[in-house]
């Protein structure tokens, strides 16, 4: 299992990620709000501004303070190693 560091020592399983999204659009904000109401939201921002929203195959939604571009760069670096 490969783990991806999403900031502040928080890790997610790379194989379980469906999508990494920018949190600024209305549909993504709706996804975050709905998952918070359903208890499926995992806030990994440590009190900082949400820069990306990670959709997992388990139905969980993870918020990160690292941008989608930074996370995509980390994924590319991890898979090339």
PDB file of N, CA and C in Angstrom:
ATOM      1  N   UNK A   1       0.850  -1.175   0.000  1.00  0.00           N
ATOM      2  CA  UNK A   1       0.000   0.000   0.000  1.00  0.00           C
ATOM      3  C   UNK A   1       0.895   1.239   0.000  1.00  0.00           C
ATOM      4  N   UNK A   2       0.629   2.140  -0.922  1.00  0.00           N
ATOM      5  CA  UNK A   2       1.367   3.393  -1.015  1.00  0.00           C
ATOM      6  C   UNK A   2       0.565   4.486  -0.320  1.00  0.00           C
ATOM      7  N   UNK A   3       1.236   5.259   0.530  1.00  0.00           N
ATOM      8  CA  UNK A   3       0.587   6.344   1.257  1.00  0.00           C
ATOM      9  C   UNK A   3       1.011   7.683   0.679  1.00  0.00           C
ATOM     10  N   UNK A   4       0.071   8.628   0.653  1.00  0.00           N
ATOM     11  CA  UNK A   4       0.327   9.976   0.169  1.00  0.00           C
ATOM     12  C   UNK A   4       0.211  10.940   1.338  1.00  0.00           C
ATOM     13  N   UNK A   5       1.262  11.740   1.561  1.00  0.00           N
ATOM     14  CA  UNK A   5       1.257  12.752   2.610  1.00  0.00           C
ATOM     15  C   UNK A   5       0.415  13.926   2.126  1.00  0.00           C
ATOM     16  N   UNK A   6      -0.670  14.223   2.849  1.00  0.00           N
ATOM     17  CA  UNK A   6      -1.556  15.316   2.453  1.00  0.00           C
ATOM     18  C   UNK A   6      -1.378  16.542   3.351  1.00  0.00           C
ATOM     19  N   UNK A   7      -0.292  16.553   4.100  1.00  0.00           N
ATOM     20  CA  UNK A   7       0.034  17.708   4.932  1.00  0.00           C
ATOM     21  C   UNK A   7      -0.068  17.427   6.407  1.00  0.00           C
ATOM     22  N   UNK A   8       0.856  18.005   7.175  1.00  0.00           N
ATOM     23  CA  UNK A   8       0.883  17.924   8.631  1.00  0.00           C
ATOM     24  C   UNK A   8       0.950  16.488   9.139  1.00  0.00           C
ATOM     25  N   UNK A   9       1.628  15.631   8.404  1.00  0.00           N
ATOM     26  CA  UNK A   9       1.801  14.255   8.817  1.00  0.00           C
ATOM     27  C   UNK A   9       0.588  13.369   8.584  1.00  0.00           C
ATOM     28  N   UNK A  10      -0.419  13.881   7.896  1.00  0.00           N
ATOM     29  CA  UNK A  10      -1.614  13.095   7.578  1.00  0.00           C
ATOM     30  C   UNK A  10      -1.383  12.348   6.271  1.00  0.00           C
ATOM     31  N   UNK A  11      -1.787  11.086   6.245  1.00  0.00           N
ATOM     32  CA  UNK A  11      -1.557  10.221   5.095  1.00  0.00           C
ATOM     33  C   UNK A  11      -2.858   9.583   4.639  1.00  0.00           C
ATOM     34  N   UNK A  12      -2.989   9.386   3.328  1.00  0.00           N
ATOM     35  CA  UNK A  12      -4.113   8.627   2.777  1.00  0.00           C
ATOM     36  C   UNK A  12      -3.552   7.568   1.840  1.00  0.00           C
ATOM     37  N   UNK A  13      -4.306   6.498   1.670  1.00  0.00           N
ATOM     38  CA  UNK A  13      -3.891   5.420   0.771  1.00  0.00           C
ATOM     39  C   UNK A  13      -4.074   5.889  -0.669  1.00  0.00           C
ATOM     40  N   UNK A  14      -2.984   5.916  -1.409  1.00  0.00           N
ATOM     41  CA  UNK A  14      -2.987   6.412  -2.784  1.00  0.00           C
ATOM     42  C   UNK A  14      -3.936   5.607  -3.668  1.00  0.00           C
ATOM     43  N   UNK A  15      -4.000   4.308  -3.467  1.00  0.00           N
ATOM     44  CA  UNK A  15      -4.832   3.437  -4.294  1.00  0.00           C
ATOM     45  C   UNK A  15      -6.320   3.673  -4.086  1.00  0.00           C
ATOM     46  N   UNK A  16      -6.694   4.323  -2.992  1.00  0.00           N
ATOM     47  CA  UNK A  16      -8.111   4.533  -2.660  1.00  0.00           C
ATOM     48  C   UNK A  16      -8.630   5.891  -3.122  1.00  0.00           C
ATOM     49  N   UNK A  17      -7.765   6.743  -3.671  1.00  0.00           N
ATOM     50  CA  UNK A  17      -8.169   8.072  -4.116  1.00  0.00           C
ATOM     51  C   UNK A  17      -8.872   7.976  -5.469  1.00  0.00           C
ATOM     52  N   UNK A  18     -10.060   8.573  -5.553  1.00  0.00           N
ATOM     53  CA  UNK A  18     -10.777   8.660  -6.822  1.00  0.00           C
ATOM     54  C   UNK A  18     -10.477   9.974  -7.529  1.00  0.00           C
ATOM     55  N   UNK A  19     -10.420  11.072  -6.751  1.00  0.00           N
ATOM     56  CA  UNK A  19     -10.252  12.381  -7.354  1.00  0.00           C
ATOM     57  C   UNK A  19      -9.694  13.374  -6.342  1.00  0.00           C
ATOM     58  N   UNK A  20      -8.935  14.337  -6.854  1.00  0.00           N
ATOM     59  CA  UNK A  20      -8.456  15.460  -6.047  1.00  0.00           C
ATOM     60  C   UNK A  20      -8.996  16.717  -6.712  1.00  0.00           C
ATOM     61  N   UNK A  21      -9.795  17.481  -5.975  1.00  0.00           N
ATOM     62  CA  UNK A  21     -10.524  18.605  -6.545  1.00  0.00           C
ATOM     63  C   UNK A  21     -10.164  19.930  -5.887  1.00  0.00           C
ATOM     64  N   UNK A  22     -10.388  21.010  -6.642  1.00  0.00           N
ATOM     65  CA  UNK A  22     -10.259  22.360  -6.124  1.00  0.00           C
ATOM     66  C   UNK A  22     -11.540  22.666  -5.342  1.00  0.00           C
ATOM     67  N   UNK A  23     -11.460  23.223  -4.133  1.00  0.00           N
ATOM     68  CA  UNK A  23     -12.653  23.404  -3.293  1.00  0.00           C
ATOM     69  C   UNK A  23     -13.496  24.631  -3.622  1.00  0.00           C
ATOM     70  N   UNK A  24     -13.174  25.386  -4.668  1.00  0.00           N
ATOM     71  CA  UNK A  24     -13.835  26.666  -4.905  1.00  0.00           C
ATOM     72  C   UNK A  24     -15.160  26.578  -5.661  1.00  0.00           C
ATOM     73  N   UNK A  25     -15.426  25.490  -6.366  1.00  0.00           N
ATOM     74  CA  UNK A  25     -16.662  25.416  -7.143  1.00  0.00           C
ATOM     75  C   UNK A  25     -17.849  25.031  -6.254  1.00  0.00           C
ATOM     76  N   UNK A  26     -19.028  25.439  -6.674  1.00  0.00           N
ATOM     77  CA  UNK A  26     -20.246  25.155  -5.901  1.00  0.00           C
ATOM     78  C   UNK A  26     -20.515  23.656  -5.745  1.00  0.00           C
ATOM     79  N   UNK A  27     -20.353  22.838  -6.800  1.00  0.00           N
ATOM     80  CA  UNK A  27     -20.604  21.401  -6.610  1.00  0.00           C
ATOM     81  C   UNK A  27     -19.668  20.760  -5.577  1.00  0.00           C
ATOM     82  N   UNK A  28     -18.412  21.181  -5.545  1.00  0.00           N
ATOM     83  CA  UNK A  28     -17.468  20.622  -4.572  1.00  0.00           C
ATOM     84  C   UNK A  28     -17.823  21.099  -3.173  1.00  0.00           C
ATOM     85  N   UNK A  29     -18.211  22.351  -3.036  1.00  0.00           N
ATOM     86  CA  UNK A  29     -18.654  22.855  -1.733  1.00  0.00           C
ATOM     87  C   UNK A  29     -19.868  22.073  -1.243  1.00  0.00           C
ATOM     88  N   UNK A  30     -20.758  21.718  -2.168  1.00  0.00           N
ATOM     89  CA  UNK A  30     -21.937  20.926  -1.826  1.00  0.00           C
ATOM     90  C   UNK A  30     -21.539  19.530  -1.372  1.00  0.00           C
ATOM     91  N   UNK A  31     -20.560  18.929  -2.046  1.00  0.00           N
ATOM     92  CA  UNK A  31     -20.069  17.600  -1.656  1.00  0.00           C
ATOM     93  C   UNK A  31     -19.502  17.648  -0.238  1.00  0.00           C
ATOM     94  N   UNK A  32     -18.704  18.667   0.060  1.00  0.00           N
ATOM     95  CA  UNK A  32     -18.100  18.809   1.387  1.00  0.00           C
ATOM     96  C   UNK A  32     -19.193  18.991   2.439  1.00  0.00           C
ATOM     97  N   UNK A  33     -20.165  19.847   2.148  1.00  0.00           N
ATOM     98  CA  UNK A  33     -21.249  20.110   3.105  1.00  0.00           C
ATOM     99  C   UNK A  33     -22.061  18.837   3.371  1.00  0.00           C
ATOM    100  N   UNK A  34     -22.393  18.116   2.314  1.00  0.00           N
ATOM    101  CA  UNK A  34     -23.177  16.886   2.453  1.00  0.00           C
ATOM    102  C   UNK A  34     -22.408  15.825   3.230  1.00  0.00           C
ATOM    103  N   UNK A  35     -21.126  15.678   2.932  1.00  0.00           N
ATOM    104  CA  UNK A  35     -20.332  14.667   3.639  1.00  0.00           C
ATOM    105  C   UNK A  35     -20.159  15.037   5.110  1.00  0.00           C
ATOM    106  N   UNK A  36     -20.105  16.332   5.404  1.00  0.00           N
ATOM    107  CA  UNK A  36     -20.022  16.770   6.806  1.00  0.00           C
ATOM    108  C   UNK A  36     -21.300  16.395   7.555  1.00  0.00           C
ATOM    109  N   UNK A  37     -22.442  16.607   6.906  1.00  0.00           N
ATOM    110  CA  UNK A  37     -23.723  16.252   7.524  1.00  0.00           C
ATOM    111  C   UNK A  37     -23.837  14.745   7.739  1.00  0.00           C
ATOM    112  N   UNK A  38     -23.306  13.954   6.806  1.00  0.00           N
ATOM    113  CA  UNK A  38     -23.400  12.492   6.878  1.00  0.00           C
ATOM    114  C   UNK A  38     -22.320  11.860   7.746  1.00  0.00           C
ATOM    115  N   UNK A  39     -21.354  12.639   8.198  1.00  0.00           N
ATOM    116  CA  UNK A  39     -20.280  12.116   9.029  1.00  0.00           C
ATOM    117  C   UNK A  39     -19.178  11.438   8.232  1.00  0.00           C
ATOM    118  N   UNK A  40     -19.069  11.749   6.942  1.00  0.00           N
ATOM    119  CA  UNK A  40     -18.047  11.154   6.077  1.00  0.00           C
ATOM    120  C   UNK A  40     -16.903  12.112   5.759  1.00  0.00           C
ATOM    121  N   UNK A  41     -16.869  13.272   6.410  1.00  0.00           N
ATOM    122  CA  UNK A  41     -15.825  14.257   6.142  1.00  0.00           C
ATOM    123  C   UNK A  41     -14.653  14.057   7.091  1.00  0.00           C
ATOM    124  N   UNK A  42     -13.459  14.034   6.543  1.00  0.00           N
ATOM    125  CA  UNK A  42     -12.237  13.970   7.337  1.00  0.00           C
ATOM    126  C   UNK A  42     -11.481  15.261   7.079  1.00  0.00           C
ATOM    127  N   UNK A  43     -11.369  16.098   8.099  1.00  0.00           N
ATOM    128  CA  UNK A  43     -10.701  17.390   7.971  1.00  0.00           C
ATOM    129  C   UNK A  43      -9.240  17.243   8.360  1.00  0.00           C
ATOM    130  N   UNK A  44      -8.353  17.296   7.366  1.00  0.00           N
ATOM    131  CA  UNK A  44      -6.918  17.166   7.618  1.00  0.00           C
ATOM    132  C   UNK A  44      -6.200  18.494   7.394  1.00  0.00           C
ATOM    133  N   UNK A  45      -6.924  19.611   7.554  1.00  0.00           N
ATOM    134  CA  UNK A  45      -6.327  20.926   7.314  1.00  0.00           C
ATOM    135  C   UNK A  45      -5.617  21.483   8.538  1.00  0.00           C
ATOM    136  N   UNK A  46      -5.856  20.918   9.699  1.00  0.00           N
ATOM    137  CA  UNK A  46      -5.276  21.422  10.959  1.00  0.00           C
ATOM    138  C   UNK A  46      -5.575  22.904  11.167  1.00  0.00           C
ATOM    139  N   UNK A  47      -6.799  23.308  10.840  1.00  0.00           N
ATOM    140  CA  UNK A  47      -7.233  24.679  11.064  1.00  0.00           C
ATOM    141  C   UNK A  47      -6.850  25.659   9.974  1.00  0.00           C
ATOM    142  N   UNK A  48      -6.189  25.219   8.943  1.00  0.00           N
ATOM    143  CA  UNK A  48      -5.785  26.097   7.850  1.00  0.00           C
ATOM    144  C   UNK A  48      -6.846  26.087   6.750  1.00  0.00           C
ATOM    145  N   UNK A  49      -6.678  26.950   5.765  1.00  0.00           N
ATOM    146  CA  UNK A  49      -7.624  27.047   4.656  1.00  0.00           C
ATOM    147  C   UNK A  49      -7.592  25.774   3.817  1.00  0.00           C
ATOM    148  N   UNK A  50      -8.760  25.302   3.419  1.00  0.00           N
ATOM    149  CA  UNK A  50      -8.854  24.122   2.558  1.00  0.00           C
ATOM    150  C   UNK A  50      -8.394  24.490   1.151  1.00  0.00           C
ATOM    151  N   UNK A  51      -7.385  23.781   0.667  1.00  0.00           N
ATOM    152  CA  UNK A  51      -6.847  24.026  -0.675  1.00  0.00           C
ATOM    153  C   UNK A  51      -7.229  22.923  -1.655  1.00  0.00           C
ATOM    154  N   UNK A  52      -7.597  21.738  -1.138  1.00  0.00           N
ATOM    155  CA  UNK A  52      -8.011  20.646  -2.010  1.00  0.00           C
ATOM    156  C   UNK A  52      -8.977  19.725  -1.273  1.00  0.00           C
ATOM    157  N   UNK A  53      -9.788  19.047  -2.057  1.00  0.00           N
ATOM    158  CA  UNK A  53     -10.765  18.090  -1.540  1.00  0.00           C
ATOM    159  C   UNK A  53     -10.468  16.760  -2.215  1.00  0.00           C
ATOM    160  N   UNK A  54     -10.273  15.719  -1.410  1.00  0.00           N
ATOM    161  CA  UNK A  54      -9.922  14.394  -1.924  1.00  0.00           C
ATOM    162  C   UNK A  54     -11.127  13.485  -1.735  1.00  0.00           C
ATOM    163  N   UNK A  55     -11.585  12.902  -2.843  1.00  0.00           N
ATOM    164  CA  UNK A  55     -12.703  11.970  -2.813  1.00  0.00           C
ATOM    165  C   UNK A  55     -12.124  10.555  -2.779  1.00  0.00           C
ATOM    166  N   UNK A  56     -12.527   9.770  -1.779  1.00  0.00           N
ATOM    167  CA  UNK A  56     -12.024   8.408  -1.611  1.00  0.00           C
ATOM    168  C   UNK A  56     -13.056   7.399  -2.117  1.00  0.00           C
ATOM    169  N   UNK A  57     -12.597   6.204  -2.468  1.00  0.00           N
ATOM    170  CA  UNK A  57     -13.506   5.174  -2.970  1.00  0.00           C
ATOM    171  C   UNK A  57     -14.435   4.621  -1.889  1.00  0.00           C
ATOM    172  N   UNK A  58     -14.154   4.909  -0.639  1.00  0.00           N
ATOM    173  CA  UNK A  58     -14.996   4.458   0.472  1.00  0.00           C
ATOM    174  C   UNK A  58     -16.182   5.395   0.714  1.00  0.00           C
ATOM    175  N   UNK A  59     -16.241   6.504  -0.032  1.00  0.00           N
ATOM    176  CA  UNK A  59     -17.289   7.490   0.180  1.00  0.00           C
ATOM    177  C   UNK A  59     -16.870   8.612   1.103  1.00  0.00           C
ATOM    178  N   UNK A  60     -15.696   8.514   1.691  1.00  0.00           N
ATOM    179  CA  UNK A  60     -15.192   9.573   2.557  1.00  0.00           C
ATOM    180  C   UNK A  60     -14.659  10.727   1.715  1.00  0.00           C
ATOM    181  N   UNK A  61     -14.727  11.909   2.289  1.00  0.00           N
ATOM    182  CA  UNK A  61     -14.204  13.117   1.663  1.00  0.00           C
ATOM    183  C   UNK A  61     -13.159  13.687   2.616  1.00  0.00           C
ATOM    184  N   UNK A  62     -11.960  13.940   2.103  1.00  0.00           N
ATOM    185  CA  UNK A  62     -10.858  14.431   2.920  1.00  0.00           C
ATOM    186  C   UNK A  62     -10.489  15.830   2.441  1.00  0.00           C
ATOM    187  N   UNK A  63     -10.406  16.783   3.375  1.00  0.00           N
ATOM    188  CA  UNK A  63      -9.950  18.127   3.019  1.00  0.00           C
ATOM    189  C   UNK A  63      -8.493  18.279   3.430  1.00  0.00           C
ATOM    190  N   UNK A  64      -7.729  18.964   2.578  1.00  0.00           N
ATOM    191  CA  UNK A  64      -6.304  19.157   2.827  1.00  0.00           C
ATOM    192  C   UNK A  64      -5.941  20.622   2.628  1.00  0.00           C
ATOM    193  N   UNK A  65      -4.909  21.059   3.337  1.00  0.00           N
ATOM    194  CA  UNK A  65      -4.433  22.431   3.174  1.00  0.00           C
ATOM    195  C   UNK A  65      -3.379  22.530   2.073  1.00  0.00           C
ATOM    196  N   UNK A  66      -3.048  21.411   1.437  1.00  0.00           N
ATOM    197  CA  UNK A  66      -2.152  21.428   0.280  1.00  0.00           C
ATOM    198  C   UNK A  66      -2.992  21.507  -0.986  1.00  0.00           C
ATOM    199  N   UNK A  67      -2.518  22.240  -1.981  1.00  0.00           N
ATOM    200  CA  UNK A  67      -3.284  22.399  -3.215  1.00  0.00           C
ATOM    201  C   UNK A  67      -3.289  21.109  -4.027  1.00  0.00           C
ATOM    202  N   UNK A  68      -4.239  21.022  -4.935  1.00  0.00           N
ATOM    203  CA  UNK A  68      -4.352  19.856  -5.810  1.00  0.00           C
ATOM    204  C   UNK A  68      -3.089  19.702  -6.659  1.00  0.00           C
ATOM    205  N   UNK A  69      -2.490  20.813  -7.072  1.00  0.00           N
ATOM    206  CA  UNK A  69      -1.275  20.760  -7.884  1.00  0.00           C
ATOM    207  C   UNK A  69      -0.109  20.170  -7.096  1.00  0.00           C
ATOM    208  N   UNK A  70       0.018  20.561  -5.840  1.00  0.00           N
ATOM    209  CA  UNK A  70       1.091  20.031  -4.989  1.00  0.00           C
ATOM    210  C   UNK A  70       0.895  18.531  -4.768  1.00  0.00           C
ATOM    211  N   UNK A  71      -0.338  18.131  -4.488  1.00  0.00           N
ATOM    212  CA  UNK A  71      -0.613  16.710  -4.276  1.00  0.00           C
ATOM    213  C   UNK A  71      -0.360  15.907  -5.553  1.00  0.00           C
ATOM    214  N   UNK A  72      -0.750  16.461  -6.701  1.00  0.00           N
ATOM    215  CA  UNK A  72      -0.502  15.767  -7.974  1.00  0.00           C
ATOM    216  C   UNK A  72       0.995  15.625  -8.217  1.00  0.00           C
ATOM    217  N   UNK A  73       1.767  16.633  -7.861  1.00  0.00           N
ATOM    218  CA  UNK A  73       3.220  16.547  -7.984  1.00  0.00           C
ATOM    219  C   UNK A  73       3.806  15.474  -7.089  1.00  0.00           C
ATOM    220  N   UNK A  74       3.267  15.364  -5.882  1.00  0.00           N
ATOM    221  CA  UNK A  74       3.738  14.318  -4.970  1.00  0.00           C
ATOM    222  C   UNK A  74       3.394  12.933  -5.509  1.00  0.00           C
ATOM    223  N   UNK A  75       2.226  12.796  -6.112  1.00  0.00           N
ATOM    224  CA  UNK A  75       1.828  11.509  -6.684  1.00  0.00           C
ATOM    225  C   UNK A  75       2.767  11.149  -7.826  1.00  0.00           C
ATOM    226  N   UNK A  76       3.066  12.098  -8.692  1.00  0.00           N
ATOM    227  CA  UNK A  76       3.989  11.846  -9.800  1.00  0.00           C
ATOM    228  C   UNK A  76       5.369  11.471  -9.318  1.00  0.00           C
ATOM    229  N   UNK A  77       5.832  12.125  -8.256  1.00  0.00           N
ATOM    230  CA  UNK A  77       7.152  11.828  -7.705  1.00  0.00           C
ATOM    231  C   UNK A  77       7.179  10.434  -7.071  1.00  0.00           C
ATOM    232  N   UNK A  78       6.092  10.078  -6.366  1.00  0.00           N
ATOM    233  CA  UNK A  78       6.019   8.780  -5.694  1.00  0.00           C
ATOM    234  C   UNK A  78       5.968   7.635  -6.698  1.00  0.00           C
ATOM    235  N   UNK A  79       5.237   7.812  -7.798  1.00  0.00           N
ATOM    236  CA  UNK A  79       5.092   6.719  -8.760  1.00  0.00           C
ATOM    237  C   UNK A  79       6.334   6.558  -9.622  1.00  0.00           C
ATOM    238  N   UNK A  80       7.150   7.602  -9.746  1.00  0.00           N
ATOM    239  CA  UNK A  80       8.369   7.505 -10.550  1.00  0.00           C
ATOM    240  C   UNK A  80       9.525   6.892  -9.774  1.00  0.00           C
ATOM    241  N   UNK A  81       9.389   6.774  -8.456  1.00  0.00           N
ATOM    242  CA  UNK A  81      10.466   6.230  -7.623  1.00  0.00           C
ATOM    243  C   UNK A  81      10.539   4.742  -7.724  1.00  0.00           C
TER     244      UNK A  81
END
